[in-house]
PDB file of N, CA and C in Angstrom:
ATOM      1  N   MET A   1     165.843  37.323 185.200  1.00  0.00           N
ATOM      2  CA  MET A   1     165.036  36.859 184.007  1.00  0.00           C
ATOM      3  C   MET A   1     164.824  35.523 184.064  1.00  0.00           C
ATOM      4  N   SER A   2     163.336  35.100 183.773  1.00  0.00           N
ATOM      5  CA  SER A   2     162.589  33.985 184.046  1.00  0.00           C
ATOM      6  C   SER A   2     162.881  33.193 182.735  1.00  0.00           C
ATOM      7  N   SER A   3     162.846  31.906 182.876  1.00  0.00           N
ATOM      8  CA  SER A   3     163.088  30.942 181.695  1.00  0.00           C
ATOM      9  C   SER A   3     161.547  30.312 181.211  1.00  0.00           C
ATOM     10  N   TYR A   4     160.858  30.962 181.903  1.00  0.00           N
ATOM     11  CA  TYR A   4     159.562  30.376 181.586  1.00  0.00           C
ATOM     12  C   TYR A   4     158.844  31.308 180.614  1.00  0.00           C
ATOM     13  N   PRO A   5     158.092  30.467 179.644  1.00  0.00           N
ATOM     14  CA  PRO A   5     157.398  31.542 178.466  1.00  0.00           C
ATOM     15  C   PRO A   5     156.307  32.143 179.176  1.00  0.00           C
ATOM     16  N   PRO A   6     155.657  33.225 178.383  1.00  0.00           N
ATOM     17  CA  PRO A   6     154.773  34.043 178.979  1.00  0.00           C
ATOM     18  C   PRO A   6     153.402  33.392 178.703  1.00  0.00           C
ATOM     19  N   GLU A   7     152.534  33.798 179.779  1.00  0.00           N
ATOM     20  CA  GLU A   7     151.368  33.121 179.750  1.00  0.00           C
ATOM     21  C   GLU A   7     150.431  33.410 178.393  1.00  0.00           C
ATOM     22  N   VAL A   8     149.792  32.397 177.667  1.00  0.00           N
ATOM     23  CA  VAL A   8     149.175  32.593 176.700  1.00  0.00           C
ATOM     24  C   VAL A   8     147.630  32.248 176.950  1.00  0.00           C
ATOM     25  N   PRO A   9     146.706  32.971 176.827  1.00  0.00           N
ATOM     26  CA  PRO A   9     145.188  32.432 177.182  1.00  0.00           C
ATOM     27  C   PRO A   9     144.822  31.426 175.944  1.00  0.00           C
ATOM     28  N   PRO A  10     143.752  30.577 176.653  1.00  0.00           N
ATOM     29  CA  PRO A  10     143.466  29.305 175.470  1.00  0.00           C
ATOM     30  C   PRO A  10     142.670  30.105 174.547  1.00  0.00           C
ATOM     31  N   PRO A  11     142.753  29.204 173.168  1.00  0.00           N
ATOM     32  CA  PRO A  11     141.899  29.936 172.322  1.00  0.00           C
ATOM     33  C   PRO A  11     140.287  29.702 172.512  1.00  0.00           C
ATOM     34  N   PRO A  12     139.496  30.521 171.997  1.00  0.00           N
ATOM     35  CA  PRO A  12     137.991  30.405 172.466  1.00  0.00           C
ATOM     36  C   PRO A  12     137.393  29.366 171.712  1.00  0.00           C
ATOM     37  N   ASP A  13     136.429  28.648 172.046  1.00  0.00           N
ATOM     38  CA  ASP A  13     136.004  27.536 171.418  1.00  0.00           C
ATOM     39  C   ASP A  13     135.187  27.946 170.036  1.00  0.00           C
ATOM     40  N   ARG A  14     134.426  29.070 170.182  1.00  0.00           N
ATOM     41  CA  ARG A  14     133.831  29.814 168.964  1.00  0.00           C
ATOM     42  C   ARG A  14     133.814  31.410 169.032  1.00  0.00           C
ATOM     43  N   ALA A  15     134.037  31.843 167.989  1.00  0.00           N
ATOM     44  CA  ALA A  15     133.881  33.407 167.780  1.00  0.00           C
ATOM     45  C   ALA A  15     132.874  34.173 168.611  1.00  0.00           C
ATOM     46  N   PRO A  16     133.089  35.126 169.321  1.00  0.00           N
ATOM     47  CA  PRO A  16     131.840  35.552 170.212  1.00  0.00           C
ATOM     48  C   PRO A  16     130.833  36.077 169.224  1.00  0.00           C
ATOM     49  N   ALA A  17     131.068  36.580 168.011  1.00  0.00           N
ATOM     50  CA  ALA A  17     129.960  37.377 167.086  1.00  0.00           C
ATOM     51  C   ALA A  17     129.553  36.294 166.096  1.00  0.00           C
ATOM     52  N   SER A  18     129.836  34.997 166.245  1.00  0.00           N
ATOM     53  CA  SER A  18     129.312  33.988 165.143  1.00  0.00           C
ATOM     54  C   SER A  18     127.904  33.830 165.627  1.00  0.00           C
ATOM     55  N   ARG A  19     127.125  33.381 164.556  1.00  0.00           N
ATOM     56  CA  ARG A  19     125.732  32.952 164.755  1.00  0.00           C
ATOM     57  C   ARG A  19     125.648  31.496 163.796  1.00  0.00           C
ATOM     58  N   PRO A  20     124.734  31.068 164.134  1.00  0.00           N
ATOM     59  CA  PRO A  20     124.388  29.839 163.426  1.00  0.00           C
ATOM     60  C   PRO A  20     123.581  30.117 162.028  1.00  0.00           C
ATOM     61  N   GLY A  21     123.929  29.582 161.156  1.00  0.00           N
ATOM     62  CA  GLY A  21     123.597  29.848 159.701  1.00  0.00           C
ATOM     63  C   GLY A  21     121.956  29.913 159.749  1.00  0.00           C
ATOM     64  N   ILE A  22     121.191  29.160 160.241  1.00  0.00           N
ATOM     65  CA  ILE A  22     119.776  29.188 160.262  1.00  0.00           C
ATOM     66  C   ILE A  22     119.221  30.588 160.863  1.00  0.00           C
ATOM     67  N   VAL A  23     120.122  31.227 161.900  1.00  0.00           N
ATOM     68  CA  VAL A  23     119.474  32.431 162.468  1.00  0.00           C
ATOM     69  C   VAL A  23     119.848  33.640 161.570  1.00  0.00           C
ATOM     70  N   THR A  24     121.054  33.477 160.887  1.00  0.00           N
ATOM     71  CA  THR A  24     121.328  34.380 159.713  1.00  0.00           C
ATOM     72  C   THR A  24     120.279  34.400 158.669  1.00  0.00           C
ATOM     73  N   ALA A  25     119.887  33.110 158.229  1.00  0.00           N
ATOM     74  CA  ALA A  25     118.867  32.944 157.181  1.00  0.00           C
ATOM     75  C   ALA A  25     117.453  33.710 157.661  1.00  0.00           C
ATOM     76  N   ALA A  26     117.013  33.515 158.920  1.00  0.00           N
ATOM     77  CA  ALA A  26     115.892  33.777 159.606  1.00  0.00           C
ATOM     78  C   ALA A  26     115.894  35.433 159.402  1.00  0.00           C
ATOM     79  N   GLY A  27     117.056  36.071 159.859  1.00  0.00           N
ATOM     80  CA  GLY A  27     117.024  37.341 160.057  1.00  0.00           C
ATOM     81  C   GLY A  27     117.096  37.948 158.429  1.00  0.00           C
ATOM     82  N   VAL A  28     117.799  37.264 157.485  1.00  0.00           N
ATOM     83  CA  VAL A  28     117.811  37.869 156.162  1.00  0.00           C
ATOM     84  C   VAL A  28     116.235  37.822 155.592  1.00  0.00           C
ATOM     85  N   LEU A  29     115.635  36.595 155.632  1.00  0.00           N
ATOM     86  CA  LEU A  29     114.250  36.543 155.324  1.00  0.00           C
ATOM     87  C   LEU A  29     113.301  37.565 155.983  1.00  0.00           C
ATOM     88  N   LEU A  30     113.383  37.943 157.258  1.00  0.00           N
ATOM     89  CA  LEU A  30     112.754  38.929 157.796  1.00  0.00           C
ATOM     90  C   LEU A  30     113.125  40.406 157.232  1.00  0.00           C
ATOM     91  N   ILE A  31     114.111  40.674 157.133  1.00  0.00           N
ATOM     92  CA  ILE A  31     114.654  41.987 156.499  1.00  0.00           C
ATOM     93  C   ILE A  31     114.152  42.148 154.974  1.00  0.00           C
ATOM     94  N   VAL A  32     114.404  41.056 154.212  1.00  0.00           N
ATOM     95  CA  VAL A  32     113.756  41.097 152.886  1.00  0.00           C
ATOM     96  C   VAL A  32     112.297  41.439 152.899  1.00  0.00           C
ATOM     97  N   GLY A  33     111.803  40.475 153.636  1.00  0.00           N
ATOM     98  CA  GLY A  33     110.214  40.472 153.614  1.00  0.00           C
ATOM     99  C   GLY A  33     109.689  41.858 154.150  1.00  0.00           C
ATOM    100  N   GLY A  34     110.444  42.458 155.179  1.00  0.00           N
ATOM    101  CA  GLY A  34     110.079  43.569 155.721  1.00  0.00           C
ATOM    102  C   GLY A  34     110.085  44.771 154.812  1.00  0.00           C
ATOM    103  N   ALA A  35     111.341  44.818 153.852  1.00  0.00           N
ATOM    104  CA  ALA A  35     111.613  45.581 152.882  1.00  0.00           C
ATOM    105  C   ALA A  35     110.640  45.747 151.830  1.00  0.00           C
ATOM    106  N   LEU A  36     110.156  44.742 151.059  1.00  0.00           N
ATOM    107  CA  LEU A  36     109.259  44.360 150.228  1.00  0.00           C
ATOM    108  C   LEU A  36     107.909  44.856 150.742  1.00  0.00           C
ATOM    109  N   GLY A  37     107.537  44.414 151.952  1.00  0.00           N
ATOM    110  CA  GLY A  37     106.237  45.034 152.378  1.00  0.00           C
ATOM    111  C   GLY A  37     106.278  46.579 152.694  1.00  0.00           C
ATOM    112  N   ILE A  38     107.406  47.025 153.067  1.00  0.00           N
ATOM    113  CA  ILE A  38     107.187  48.532 153.003  1.00  0.00           C
ATOM    114  C   ILE A  38     107.029  49.003 151.792  1.00  0.00           C
ATOM    115  N   LEU A  39     107.579  48.781 150.665  1.00  0.00           N
ATOM    116  CA  LEU A  39     107.503  49.235 149.266  1.00  0.00           C
ATOM    117  C   LEU A  39     106.114  49.013 149.003  1.00  0.00           C
ATOM    118  N   PHE A  40     105.393  47.906 149.328  1.00  0.00           N
ATOM    119  CA  PHE A  40     103.983  47.746 148.766  1.00  0.00           C
ATOM    120  C   PHE A  40     103.241  48.420 149.828  1.00  0.00           C
ATOM    121  N   GLY A  41     103.476  48.748 150.906  1.00  0.00           N
ATOM    122  CA  GLY A  41     102.532  49.533 151.883  1.00  0.00           C
ATOM    123  C   GLY A  41     102.524  51.023 151.232  1.00  0.00           C
ATOM    124  N   LEU A  42     103.845  51.447 150.704  1.00  0.00           N
ATOM    125  CA  LEU A  42     104.047  52.927 150.282  1.00  0.00           C
ATOM    126  C   LEU A  42     103.260  53.089 148.913  1.00  0.00           C
ATOM    127  N   VAL A  43     103.173  51.850 148.356  1.00  0.00           N
ATOM    128  CA  VAL A  43     102.452  51.950 147.109  1.00  0.00           C
ATOM    129  C   VAL A  43     100.773  52.245 147.190  1.00  0.00           C
ATOM    130  N   VAL A  44     100.557  51.127 148.352  1.00  0.00           N
ATOM    131  CA  VAL A  44      99.154  51.296 148.626  1.00  0.00           C
ATOM    132  C   VAL A  44      98.683  52.735 149.401  1.00  0.00           C
ATOM    133  N   VAL A  45      99.549  53.253 150.229  1.00  0.00           N
ATOM    134  CA  VAL A  45      99.338  54.695 150.722  1.00  0.00           C
ATOM    135  C   VAL A  45      98.933  55.745 149.608  1.00  0.00           C
ATOM    136  N   PHE A  46     100.227  55.636 148.777  1.00  0.00           N
ATOM    137  CA  PHE A  46     100.053  56.707 147.725  1.00  0.00           C
ATOM    138  C   PHE A  46      99.306  56.577 146.494  1.00  0.00           C
ATOM    139  N   ALA A  47      98.890  55.364 146.389  1.00  0.00           N
ATOM    140  CA  ALA A  47      97.587  54.934 145.347  1.00  0.00           C
ATOM    141  C   ALA A  47      96.428  55.246 145.720  1.00  0.00           C
ATOM    142  N   ALA A  48      96.066  55.186 146.949  1.00  0.00           N
ATOM    143  CA  ALA A  48      94.898  54.909 147.619  1.00  0.00           C
ATOM    144  C   ALA A  48      93.996  56.456 147.350  1.00  0.00           C
ATOM    145  N   THR A  49      92.773  56.117 147.335  1.00  0.00           N
ATOM    146  CA  THR A  49      91.905  57.217 146.937  1.00  0.00           C
ATOM    147  C   THR A  49      91.002  57.402 148.341  1.00  0.00           C
ATOM    148  N   ARG A  50      90.818  56.170 148.768  1.00  0.00           N
ATOM    149  CA  ARG A  50      89.759  56.322 149.887  1.00  0.00           C
ATOM    150  C   ARG A  50      90.425  56.159 151.157  1.00  0.00           C
ATOM    151  N   GLY A  51      89.662  56.643 152.219  1.00  0.00           N
ATOM    152  CA  GLY A  51      90.101  56.616 153.742  1.00  0.00           C
ATOM    153  C   GLY A  51      90.635  55.263 154.004  1.00  0.00           C
ATOM    154  N   PRO A  52      89.688  54.123 154.037  1.00  0.00           N
ATOM    155  CA  PRO A  52      90.026  52.805 154.572  1.00  0.00           C
ATOM    156  C   PRO A  52      91.285  52.462 153.889  1.00  0.00           C
ATOM    157  N   VAL A  53      91.412  52.822 152.661  1.00  0.00           N
ATOM    158  CA  VAL A  53      92.579  51.885 152.125  1.00  0.00           C
ATOM    159  C   VAL A  53      93.907  52.494 152.410  1.00  0.00           C
ATOM    160  N   VAL A  54      93.937  53.697 152.928  1.00  0.00           N
ATOM    161  CA  VAL A  54      95.186  54.488 153.492  1.00  0.00           C
ATOM    162  C   VAL A  54      95.457  54.037 154.677  1.00  0.00           C
ATOM    163  N   VAL A  55      94.498  53.757 155.500  1.00  0.00           N
ATOM    164  CA  VAL A  55      94.538  53.015 156.914  1.00  0.00           C
ATOM    165  C   VAL A  55      95.133  51.552 156.923  1.00  0.00           C
ATOM    166  N   LEU A  56      94.655  50.995 155.744  1.00  0.00           N
ATOM    167  CA  LEU A  56      95.285  49.446 155.353  1.00  0.00           C
ATOM    168  C   LEU A  56      96.902  49.585 155.103  1.00  0.00           C
ATOM    169  N   GLY A  57      97.001  50.651 154.148  1.00  0.00           N
ATOM    170  CA  GLY A  57      98.551  50.822 153.779  1.00  0.00           C
ATOM    171  C   GLY A  57      99.314  51.363 155.004  1.00  0.00           C
ATOM    172  N   LEU A  58      98.797  52.253 156.064  1.00  0.00           N
ATOM    173  CA  LEU A  58      99.453  52.500 156.875  1.00  0.00           C
ATOM    174  C   LEU A  58      99.879  51.334 157.942  1.00  0.00           C
ATOM    175  N   LEU A  59      98.832  50.399 158.062  1.00  0.00           N
ATOM    176  CA  LEU A  59      98.888  49.398 158.738  1.00  0.00           C
ATOM    177  C   LEU A  59      99.963  48.367 158.381  1.00  0.00           C
ATOM    178  N   LEU A  60     100.068  48.212 156.967  1.00  0.00           N
ATOM    179  CA  LEU A  60     101.033  47.466 156.473  1.00  0.00           C
ATOM    180  C   LEU A  60     102.504  48.114 156.327  1.00  0.00           C
ATOM    181  N   LEU A  61     102.562  49.291 156.376  1.00  0.00           N
ATOM    182  CA  LEU A  61     103.733  49.861 156.689  1.00  0.00           C
ATOM    183  C   LEU A  61     104.360  49.614 158.206  1.00  0.00           C
ATOM    184  N   GLY A  62     103.434  49.856 159.053  1.00  0.00           N
ATOM    185  CA  GLY A  62     103.831  49.636 160.573  1.00  0.00           C
ATOM    186  C   GLY A  62     104.086  48.203 160.788  1.00  0.00           C
ATOM    187  N   ALA A  63     103.524  47.032 160.224  1.00  0.00           N
ATOM    188  CA  ALA A  63     103.876  45.667 160.524  1.00  0.00           C
ATOM    189  C   ALA A  63     105.199  45.242 159.685  1.00  0.00           C
ATOM    190  N   ASN A  64     105.497  45.985 158.597  1.00  0.00           N
ATOM    191  CA  ASN A  64     106.353  45.814 157.838  1.00  0.00           C
ATOM    192  C   ASN A  64     107.853  46.505 158.507  1.00  0.00           C
ATOM    193  N   LEU A  65     107.545  47.572 158.983  1.00  0.00           N
ATOM    194  CA  LEU A  65     108.499  48.358 159.780  1.00  0.00           C
ATOM    195  C   LEU A  65     109.090  47.405 161.029  1.00  0.00           C
ATOM    196  N   LEU A  66     108.278  46.955 161.621  1.00  0.00           N
ATOM    197  CA  LEU A  66     108.187  45.891 162.725  1.00  0.00           C
ATOM    198  C   LEU A  66     109.202  44.640 162.255  1.00  0.00           C
ATOM    199  N   GLN A  67     108.880  43.860 161.010  1.00  0.00           N
ATOM    200  CA  GLN A  67     109.477  42.967 160.766  1.00  0.00           C
ATOM    201  C   GLN A  67     110.945  43.352 160.203  1.00  0.00           C
ATOM    202  N   LEU A  68     111.053  44.419 159.674  1.00  0.00           N
ATOM    203  CA  LEU A  68     112.590  44.931 159.202  1.00  0.00           C
ATOM    204  C   LEU A  68     113.361  44.986 160.570  1.00  0.00           C
ATOM    205  N   TYR A  69     112.662  45.679 161.629  1.00  0.00           N
ATOM    206  CA  TYR A  69     113.409  45.889 162.990  1.00  0.00           C
ATOM    207  C   TYR A  69     113.741  44.409 163.287  1.00  0.00           C
ATOM    208  N   ALA A  70     112.723  43.678 163.506  1.00  0.00           N
ATOM    209  CA  ALA A  70     113.034  42.327 163.953  1.00  0.00           C
ATOM    210  C   ALA A  70     114.161  41.525 163.257  1.00  0.00           C
ATOM    211  N   GLY A  71     114.291  41.613 161.981  1.00  0.00           N
ATOM    212  CA  GLY A  71     115.322  41.065 161.054  1.00  0.00           C
ATOM    213  C   GLY A  71     116.692  41.629 161.601  1.00  0.00           C
ATOM    214  N   PHE A  72     116.836  42.951 161.739  1.00  0.00           N
ATOM    215  CA  PHE A  72     118.227  43.356 162.120  1.00  0.00           C
ATOM    216  C   PHE A  72     118.432  42.970 163.601  1.00  0.00           C
ATOM    217  N   GLN A  73     117.263  42.906 164.565  1.00  0.00           N
ATOM    218  CA  GLN A  73     117.527  42.430 165.890  1.00  0.00           C
ATOM    219  C   GLN A  73     117.938  40.910 165.863  1.00  0.00           C
ATOM    220  N   VAL A  74     117.589  40.185 164.886  1.00  0.00           N
ATOM    221  CA  VAL A  74     117.954  38.560 164.907  1.00  0.00           C
ATOM    222  C   VAL A  74     119.217  38.512 164.493  1.00  0.00           C
ATOM    223  N   LEU A  75     119.636  39.287 163.416  1.00  0.00           N
ATOM    224  CA  LEU A  75     121.121  39.428 162.885  1.00  0.00           C
ATOM    225  C   LEU A  75     122.060  39.681 164.263  1.00  0.00           C
ATOM    226  N   ALA A  76     121.491  40.604 165.053  1.00  0.00           N
ATOM    227  CA  ALA A  76     122.198  41.096 166.076  1.00  0.00           C
ATOM    228  C   ALA A  76     122.382  40.237 167.224  1.00  0.00           C
ATOM    229  N   LEU A  77     121.562  38.855 167.125  1.00  0.00           N
ATOM    230  CA  LEU A  77     121.642  37.912 168.293  1.00  0.00           C
ATOM    231  C   LEU A  77     120.764  38.517 169.528  1.00  0.00           C
ATOM    232  N   ARG A  78     119.788  39.388 169.142  1.00  0.00           N
ATOM    233  CA  ARG A  78     118.900  39.971 170.363  1.00  0.00           C
ATOM    234  C   ARG A  78     117.876  39.075 170.629  1.00  0.00           C
ATOM    235  N   GLU A  79     117.177  38.862 171.876  1.00  0.00           N
ATOM    236  CA  GLU A  79     116.121  38.020 172.147  1.00  0.00           C
ATOM    237  C   GLU A  79     114.799  38.698 171.580  1.00  0.00           C
ATOM    238  N   VAL A  80     114.903  40.142 171.704  1.00  0.00           N
ATOM    239  CA  VAL A  80     113.509  40.739 171.158  1.00  0.00           C
ATOM    240  C   VAL A  80     113.396  40.565 169.724  1.00  0.00           C
ATOM    241  N   GLY A  81     114.378  40.375 168.884  1.00  0.00           N
ATOM    242  CA  GLY A  81     114.277  40.100 167.471  1.00  0.00           C
ATOM    243  C   GLY A  81     113.485  38.887 167.073  1.00  0.00           C
ATOM    244  N   ARG A  82     113.939  38.017 167.833  1.00  0.00           N
ATOM    245  CA  ARG A  82     113.448  36.408 167.855  1.00  0.00           C
ATOM    246  C   ARG A  82     112.001  36.400 168.353  1.00  0.00           C
ATOM    247  N   GLN A  83     111.824  37.051 169.486  1.00  0.00           N
ATOM    248  CA  GLN A  83     110.247  37.006 169.734  1.00  0.00           C
ATOM    249  C   GLN A  83     109.233  37.576 168.761  1.00  0.00           C
ATOM    250  N   ILE A  84     109.755  38.916 168.353  1.00  0.00           N
ATOM    251  CA  ILE A  84     109.011  39.544 167.309  1.00  0.00           C
ATOM    252  C   ILE A  84     108.858  38.659 166.186  1.00  0.00           C
ATOM    253  N   GLY A  85     110.065  38.213 165.651  1.00  0.00           N
ATOM    254  CA  GLY A  85     109.849  37.318 164.244  1.00  0.00           C
ATOM    255  C   GLY A  85     108.878  36.260 164.685  1.00  0.00           C
ATOM    256  N   LEU A  86     108.854  35.493 165.872  1.00  0.00           N
ATOM    257  CA  LEU A  86     108.019  34.470 166.068  1.00  0.00           C
ATOM    258  C   LEU A  86     106.605  34.829 165.932  1.00  0.00           C
ATOM    259  N   VAL A  87     106.116  35.948 166.673  1.00  0.00           N
ATOM    260  CA  VAL A  87     104.736  36.630 166.819  1.00  0.00           C
ATOM    261  C   VAL A  87     104.477  37.026 165.493  1.00  0.00           C
ATOM    262  N   LEU A  88     105.259  37.351 164.713  1.00  0.00           N
ATOM    263  CA  LEU A  88     104.756  37.848 163.211  1.00  0.00           C
ATOM    264  C   LEU A  88     104.540  36.632 162.477  1.00  0.00           C
ATOM    265  N   ALA A  89     105.369  35.520 162.631  1.00  0.00           N
ATOM    266  CA  ALA A  89     104.913  34.435 162.029  1.00  0.00           C
ATOM    267  C   ALA A  89     103.714  33.822 162.443  1.00  0.00           C
ATOM    268  N   ILE A  90     103.452  33.719 163.645  1.00  0.00           N
ATOM    269  CA  ILE A  90     102.090  32.979 163.969  1.00  0.00           C
ATOM    270  C   ILE A  90     100.857  33.951 163.501  1.00  0.00           C
ATOM    271  N   ILE A  91     101.310  35.225 163.468  1.00  0.00           N
ATOM    272  CA  ILE A  91     100.119  36.089 162.963  1.00  0.00           C
ATOM    273  C   ILE A  91      99.724  35.988 161.434  1.00  0.00           C
ATOM    274  N   SER A  92     101.044  35.768 160.651  1.00  0.00           N
ATOM    275  CA  SER A  92     101.049  35.520 159.261  1.00  0.00           C
ATOM    276  C   SER A  92     100.308  34.096 158.953  1.00  0.00           C
ATOM    277  N   GLY A  93     100.683  33.277 159.834  1.00  0.00           N
ATOM    278  CA  GLY A  93     100.099  31.856 159.571  1.00  0.00           C
ATOM    279  C   GLY A  93      98.454  31.966 159.838  1.00  0.00           C
ATOM    280  N   VAL A  94      97.875  32.707 161.065  1.00  0.00           N
ATOM    281  CA  VAL A  94      96.591  32.665 161.141  1.00  0.00           C
ATOM    282  C   VAL A  94      95.846  33.530 160.015  1.00  0.00           C
ATOM    283  N   LEU A  95      96.413  34.582 159.694  1.00  0.00           N
ATOM    284  CA  LEU A  95      95.881  35.164 158.554  1.00  0.00           C
ATOM    285  C   LEU A  95      95.716  34.562 157.041  1.00  0.00           C
ATOM    286  N   ALA A  96      96.934  33.797 156.959  1.00  0.00           N
ATOM    287  CA  ALA A  96      96.706  33.172 155.639  1.00  0.00           C
ATOM    288  C   ALA A  96      95.874  31.863 155.989  1.00  0.00           C
ATOM    289  N   LEU A  97      95.551  31.204 157.087  1.00  0.00           N
ATOM    290  CA  LEU A  97      94.706  30.072 157.131  1.00  0.00           C
ATOM    291  C   LEU A  97      93.238  30.808 156.934  1.00  0.00           C
ATOM    292  N   LEU A  98      93.024  32.010 157.501  1.00  0.00           N
ATOM    293  CA  LEU A  98      91.582  32.747 157.340  1.00  0.00           C
ATOM    294  C   LEU A  98      91.348  32.899 155.829  1.00  0.00           C
ATOM    295  N   SER A  99      92.360  33.196 155.071  1.00  0.00           N
ATOM    296  CA  SER A  99      92.173  33.725 153.674  1.00  0.00           C
ATOM    297  C   SER A  99      92.075  32.547 152.935  1.00  0.00           C
ATOM    298  N   LEU A 100      92.059  31.159 153.278  1.00  0.00           N
ATOM    299  CA  LEU A 100      92.085  30.044 152.499  1.00  0.00           C
ATOM    300  C   LEU A 100      90.653  30.063 151.630  1.00  0.00           C
ATOM    301  N   GLY A 101      89.541  30.249 152.419  1.00  0.00           N
ATOM    302  CA  GLY A 101      88.183  30.310 151.522  1.00  0.00           C
ATOM    303  C   GLY A 101      87.929  31.490 150.772  1.00  0.00           C
ATOM    304  N   ARG A 102      88.592  32.906 151.248  1.00  0.00           N
ATOM    305  CA  ARG A 102      88.096  33.881 150.477  1.00  0.00           C
ATOM    306  C   ARG A 102      88.992  34.418 149.656  1.00  0.00           C
ATOM    307  N   ALA A 103      90.109  34.464 149.695  1.00  0.00           N
ATOM    308  CA  ALA A 103      90.831  35.040 148.593  1.00  0.00           C
ATOM    309  C   ALA A 103      91.529  33.910 147.734  1.00  0.00           C
ATOM    310  N   ARG A 104      92.067  34.609 146.493  1.00  0.00           N
ATOM    311  CA  ARG A 104      92.424  33.503 145.367  1.00  0.00           C
ATOM    312  C   ARG A 104      93.601  32.828 145.857  1.00  0.00           C
ATOM    313  N   GLY A 105      94.809  33.703 146.313  1.00  0.00           N
ATOM    314  CA  GLY A 105      96.070  33.013 146.510  1.00  0.00           C
ATOM    315  C   GLY A 105      95.974  32.577 147.878  1.00  0.00           C
ATOM    316  N   GLY A 106      95.184  31.972 148.527  1.00  0.00           N
ATOM    317  CA  GLY A 106      95.369  31.948 150.159  1.00  0.00           C
ATOM    318  C   GLY A 106      96.126  30.491 150.113  1.00  0.00           C
ATOM    319  N   LEU A 107      95.812  29.613 149.335  1.00  0.00           N
ATOM    320  CA  LEU A 107      96.455  28.210 149.554  1.00  0.00           C
ATOM    321  C   LEU A 107      98.235  28.520 148.982  1.00  0.00           C
ATOM    322  N   LEU A 108      98.430  29.271 147.939  1.00  0.00           N
ATOM    323  CA  LEU A 108      99.496  29.585 147.448  1.00  0.00           C
ATOM    324  C   LEU A 108     100.556  30.572 148.697  1.00  0.00           C
ATOM    325  N   ASN A 109      99.762  31.387 149.398  1.00  0.00           N
ATOM    326  CA  ASN A 109     100.302  32.359 150.476  1.00  0.00           C
ATOM    327  C   ASN A 109     100.727  31.326 151.501  1.00  0.00           C
ATOM    328  N   ILE A 110     100.101  30.076 151.797  1.00  0.00           N
ATOM    329  CA  ILE A 110     100.555  29.282 152.911  1.00  0.00           C
ATOM    330  C   ILE A 110     101.796  28.337 152.359  1.00  0.00           C
ATOM    331  N   LEU A 111     101.507  27.975 151.110  1.00  0.00           N
ATOM    332  CA  LEU A 111     102.855  27.280 150.305  1.00  0.00           C
ATOM    333  C   LEU A 111     104.339  28.171 150.465  1.00  0.00           C
ATOM    334  N   ILE A 112     103.860  29.622 150.262  1.00  0.00           N
ATOM    335  CA  ILE A 112     105.223  30.480 150.052  1.00  0.00           C
ATOM    336  C   ILE A 112     105.684  30.780 151.520  1.00  0.00           C
ATOM    337  N   ASP A 113     104.699  31.141 152.416  1.00  0.00           N
ATOM    338  CA  ASP A 113     104.943  31.473 153.782  1.00  0.00           C
ATOM    339  C   ASP A 113     105.290  30.504 154.729  1.00  0.00           C
ATOM    340  N   SER A 114     105.178  29.115 154.600  1.00  0.00           N
ATOM    341  CA  SER A 114     105.145  28.088 155.443  1.00  0.00           C
ATOM    342  C   SER A 114     106.681  27.767 155.635  1.00  0.00           C
ATOM    343  N   PRO A 115     107.379  27.778 154.513  1.00  0.00           N
ATOM    344  CA  PRO A 115     108.814  27.458 154.799  1.00  0.00           C
ATOM    345  C   PRO A 115     109.486  28.482 155.681  1.00  0.00           C
ATOM    346  N   ALA A 116     109.165  29.733 155.336  1.00  0.00           N
ATOM    347  CA  ALA A 116     109.802  30.939 155.895  1.00  0.00           C
ATOM    348  C   ALA A 116     109.257  30.903 157.519  1.00  0.00           C
ATOM    349  N   SER A 117     108.121  30.611 157.589  1.00  0.00           N
ATOM    350  CA  SER A 117     107.649  30.376 159.378  1.00  0.00           C
ATOM    351  C   SER A 117     108.266  29.174 159.977  1.00  0.00           C
ATOM    352  N   ARG A 118     108.596  28.191 159.130  1.00  0.00           N
ATOM    353  CA  ARG A 118     109.175  27.181 159.655  1.00  0.00           C
ATOM    354  C   ARG A 118     110.937  27.632 160.246  1.00  0.00           C
ATOM    355  N   LEU A 119     111.417  28.248 159.280  1.00  0.00           N
ATOM    356  CA  LEU A 119     112.632  28.748 159.472  1.00  0.00           C
ATOM    357  C   LEU A 119     112.757  29.712 160.470  1.00  0.00           C
ATOM    358  N   ARG A 120     111.778  30.560 160.757  1.00  0.00           N
ATOM    359  CA  ARG A 120     111.832  31.439 161.978  1.00  0.00           C
ATOM    360  C   ARG A 120     111.800  30.614 163.281  1.00  0.00           C
ATOM    361  N   VAL A 121     110.704  29.636 163.341  1.00  0.00           N
ATOM    362  CA  VAL A 121     110.534  28.863 164.582  1.00  0.00           C
ATOM    363  C   VAL A 121     111.630  27.758 164.797  1.00  0.00           C
ATOM    364  N   ALA A 122     112.457  27.443 163.533  1.00  0.00           N
ATOM    365  CA  ALA A 122     113.623  26.771 163.936  1.00  0.00           C
ATOM    366  C   ALA A 122     114.924  27.325 164.398  1.00  0.00           C
ATOM    367  N   MET A 123     114.756  28.712 164.205  1.00  0.00           N
ATOM    368  CA  MET A 123     116.056  29.540 164.925  1.00  0.00           C
ATOM    369  C   MET A 123     116.036  29.554 166.254  1.00  0.00           C
ATOM    370  N   PHE A 124     114.798  29.194 166.916  1.00  0.00           N
ATOM    371  CA  PHE A 124     114.656  29.304 168.229  1.00  0.00           C
ATOM    372  C   PHE A 124     115.427  28.137 168.772  1.00  0.00           C
ATOM    373  N   ARG A 125     115.611  27.060 168.179  1.00  0.00           N
ATOM    374  CA  ARG A 125     116.172  25.890 168.871  1.00  0.00           C
ATOM    375  C   ARG A 125     117.838  26.011 168.481  1.00  0.00           C
ATOM    376  N   ALA A 126     118.460  26.771 167.767  1.00  0.00           N
ATOM    377  CA  ALA A 126     119.502  27.065 167.432  1.00  0.00           C
ATOM    378  C   ALA A 126     120.213  27.814 168.603  1.00  0.00           C
TER     379      ALA A 126
END
């Protein structure tokens, strides 16, 4: 019998599944935004009476399903979710800028969407 204690591995610095809070916030924002957008897209599709409006509703559904997928991928710490989230934030920003002079809520859209977009971009630094 040996008088030496059994070897114990050193404790890890960080739990392997932990993620920064900003990444969690970005993932939750993507999921909530995607879920609400899917509901809006379904309302547009089922309430539409003309062909172009149905197509617009289907495009909304597709984009928001992609946003929902990106949110779950961000929470799983997968790179593809971060990339999709960033691309969607850029597209959203460009569309908001284009709607400034045309739509009523263009400036309000930018004010609401800007903090969420900054949060998505900030998660790349984390």
